[in-house]
Amino acid sequence: MFNKIVLAVDESKYSELAAEAAIDLALKYNADLTVISVVPLPMPSGTVGEVEEIKSEGERRLGMVLERVKQNAEKRELPVKTELLYGHVAENIIRHVSNPKANLVVMGYKGSSAVKEFLLGSVSTKVLHHAPCSVIVVRE
């Protein structure tokens, strides 16, 4: 059913729950698992120095998240690929799962205030509506 799973993570506890679910699914379906995270860059772009600082801090923090998920998967004898992306979070996730096409995206849901979600939308909502594959959103 699923042979290529993409797990999108950030630093939230919901990503940890999503990681557990994605690892379980990858093992159950003998699927390839790729773990991605996106460093959000300022829009419109700030100064070169600001962007570099954000990228550097994002690489450090999200790199640790990716490594932690990778280690947890490898403890269960599941090899994973990791990738760090930059820019708009939802757009990068959707682009990543489109080429080459994934069968499933797994991600956590942080939850936003009703006003914020109405005005901006959530990453998980955008991915649910625009990804070319199935999406599982893990809640607490």
Protein backbone atom coordinates (compact mmCIF):
# COMPACT_ATOMS: atom_id res chain seq x y z
CA MET A 1 0.00 0.00 0.00
CA PHE A 2 2.67 2.52 1.05
CA ASN A 3 6.21 2.11 -0.26
CA LYS A 4 7.52 5.67 0.05
CA ILE A 5 6.69 7.58 3.21
CA VAL A 6 7.77 11.14 3.97
CA LEU A 7 7.76 12.32 7.57
CA ALA A 8 7.75 16.10 8.03
CA VAL A 9 9.06 17.20 11.43
CA ASP A 10 9.71 20.31 13.46
CA GLU A 11 10.60 20.79 17.11
CA SER A 12 7.12 20.14 18.50
CA LYS A 13 5.97 17.24 20.63
CA TYR A 14 3.48 16.48 17.87
CA SER A 15 6.35 15.75 15.51
CA GLU A 16 7.64 13.18 17.97
CA LEU A 17 4.25 11.45 17.90
CA ALA A 18 4.19 11.65 14.10
CA ALA A 19 7.69 10.13 13.98
CA GLU A 20 6.56 7.14 16.03
CA ALA A 21 3.60 6.64 13.69
CA ALA A 22 5.73 6.99 10.53
CA ILE A 23 8.33 4.51 11.80
CA ASP A 24 5.59 2.01 12.68
CA LEU A 25 4.00 2.40 9.23
CA ALA A 26 7.33 2.11 7.40
CA LEU A 27 8.11 -1.10 9.27
CA LYS A 28 4.62 -2.52 8.71
CA TYR A 29 4.65 -1.81 4.96
CA ASN A 30 8.40 -2.33 4.42
CA ALA A 31 8.48 1.22 3.05
CA ASP A 32 11.27 3.69 2.47
CA LEU A 33 11.14 6.51 5.00
CA THR A 34 12.48 9.98 4.33
CA VAL A 35 12.44 12.50 7.17
CA ILE A 36 12.36 16.17 6.20
CA SER A 37 12.32 19.44 8.05
CA VAL A 38 12.03 22.97 6.71
CA VAL A 39 13.85 26.03 8.01
CA PRO A 40 11.34 28.84 7.44
CA LEU A 41 12.99 31.88 5.89
CA PRO A 42 11.62 35.40 6.33
CA MET A 43 9.20 36.65 3.70
CA PRO A 44 10.00 39.05 2.19
CA SER A 45 13.60 38.09 2.66
CA GLY A 46 15.50 40.05 5.25
CA THR A 47 19.09 41.15 4.89
CA VAL A 48 21.68 38.59 3.85
CA GLY A 49 23.00 38.55 7.42
CA GLU A 50 19.54 37.91 8.89
CA VAL A 51 18.82 35.10 6.45
CA GLU A 52 22.19 33.47 7.12
CA GLU A 53 21.61 33.69 10.87
CA ILE A 54 18.16 32.12 10.56
CA LYS A 55 19.53 29.37 8.29
CA SER A 56 22.40 28.63 10.65
CA GLU A 57 20.17 28.45 13.73
CA GLY A 58 17.58 26.38 11.84
CA GLU A 59 20.24 23.96 10.62
CA ARG A 60 21.49 23.49 14.17
CA ARG A 61 18.10 23.05 15.83
CA LEU A 62 16.29 21.09 13.12
CA GLY A 63 19.42 19.07 12.36
CA MET A 64 19.24 17.76 15.92
CA VAL A 65 15.57 16.83 15.40
CA LEU A 66 16.37 14.97 12.18
CA GLU A 67 19.25 13.13 13.83
CA ARG A 68 17.08 12.11 16.81
CA VAL A 69 14.38 10.67 14.52
CA LYS A 70 17.03 8.89 12.45
CA GLN A 71 18.55 7.31 15.56
CA ASN A 72 15.13 6.17 16.83
CA ALA A 73 14.35 4.55 13.47
CA GLU A 74 17.75 2.87 13.25
CA LYS A 75 17.26 1.42 16.75
CA ARG A 76 14.30 -0.41 15.20
CA GLU A 77 16.47 -1.43 12.22
CA LEU A 78 14.81 0.99 9.83
CA PRO A 79 17.23 2.96 7.66
CA VAL A 80 16.03 6.48 6.89
CA LYS A 81 17.10 9.36 4.71
CA THR A 82 17.02 12.89 6.10
CA GLU A 83 16.80 16.20 4.29
CA LEU A 84 16.77 19.79 5.48
CA LEU A 85 14.93 22.27 3.25
CA TYR A 86 14.63 26.06 3.33
CA GLY A 87 11.76 28.46 2.69
CA HIS A 88 7.98 28.23 2.95
CA VAL A 89 7.20 25.16 5.05
CA ALA A 90 4.01 23.85 3.42
CA GLU A 91 5.21 24.56 -0.13
CA ASN A 92 8.48 22.73 0.49
CA ILE A 93 6.72 19.69 1.91
CA ILE A 94 4.31 19.55 -1.03
CA ARG A 95 7.13 20.01 -3.55
CA HIS A 96 9.22 17.32 -1.86
CA VAL A 97 6.46 14.69 -1.92
CA SER A 98 5.64 15.47 -5.55
CA ASN A 99 9.06 14.67 -7.06
CA PRO A 100 9.63 11.78 -6.82
CA LYS A 101 6.12 11.04 -5.74
CA ALA A 102 5.55 9.73 -2.23
CA ASN A 103 2.62 7.53 -1.24
CA LEU A 104 2.15 9.07 2.18
CA VAL A 105 3.03 12.14 4.22
CA VAL A 106 3.00 11.89 8.01
CA MET A 107 3.12 15.03 10.11
CA GLY A 108 2.06 16.39 13.47
CA TYR A 109 -0.58 19.01 14.13
CA LYS A 110 0.38 21.79 16.52
CA GLY A 111 -2.92 23.56 16.54
CA SER A 112 -3.36 27.29 16.16
CA SER A 113 -5.79 29.82 17.45
CA ALA A 114 -8.97 30.00 15.38
CA VAL A 115 -8.12 33.52 14.23
CA LYS A 116 -4.57 32.65 13.19
CA GLU A 117 -5.71 29.53 11.35
CA PHE A 118 -8.48 31.46 9.58
CA LEU A 119 -6.08 34.20 8.47
CA LEU A 120 -2.97 32.17 7.70
CA GLY A 121 -4.01 28.53 7.63
CA SER A 122 -1.90 25.82 9.19
CA VAL A 123 0.90 23.91 7.53
CA SER A 124 -0.95 20.62 7.99
CA THR A 125 -4.13 22.05 6.45
CA LYS A 126 -2.23 23.29 3.40
CA VAL A 127 -0.46 19.97 2.96
CA LEU A 128 -3.75 18.05 3.37
CA HIS A 129 -5.36 20.10 0.60
CA HIS A 130 -2.48 20.22 -1.86
CA ALA A 131 -0.30 17.12 -1.48
CA PRO A 132 -0.60 14.62 -4.36
CA CYS A 133 -0.75 11.69 -1.94
CA SER A 134 -2.39 10.55 1.27
CA VAL A 135 -1.63 12.56 4.41
CA ILE A 136 -1.81 11.43 8.01
CA VAL A 137 -1.91 14.22 10.58
CA VAL A 138 -1.05 12.96 14.05
CA ARG A 139 -2.67 14.68 17.02
CA GLU A 140 -2.01 14.12 20.68
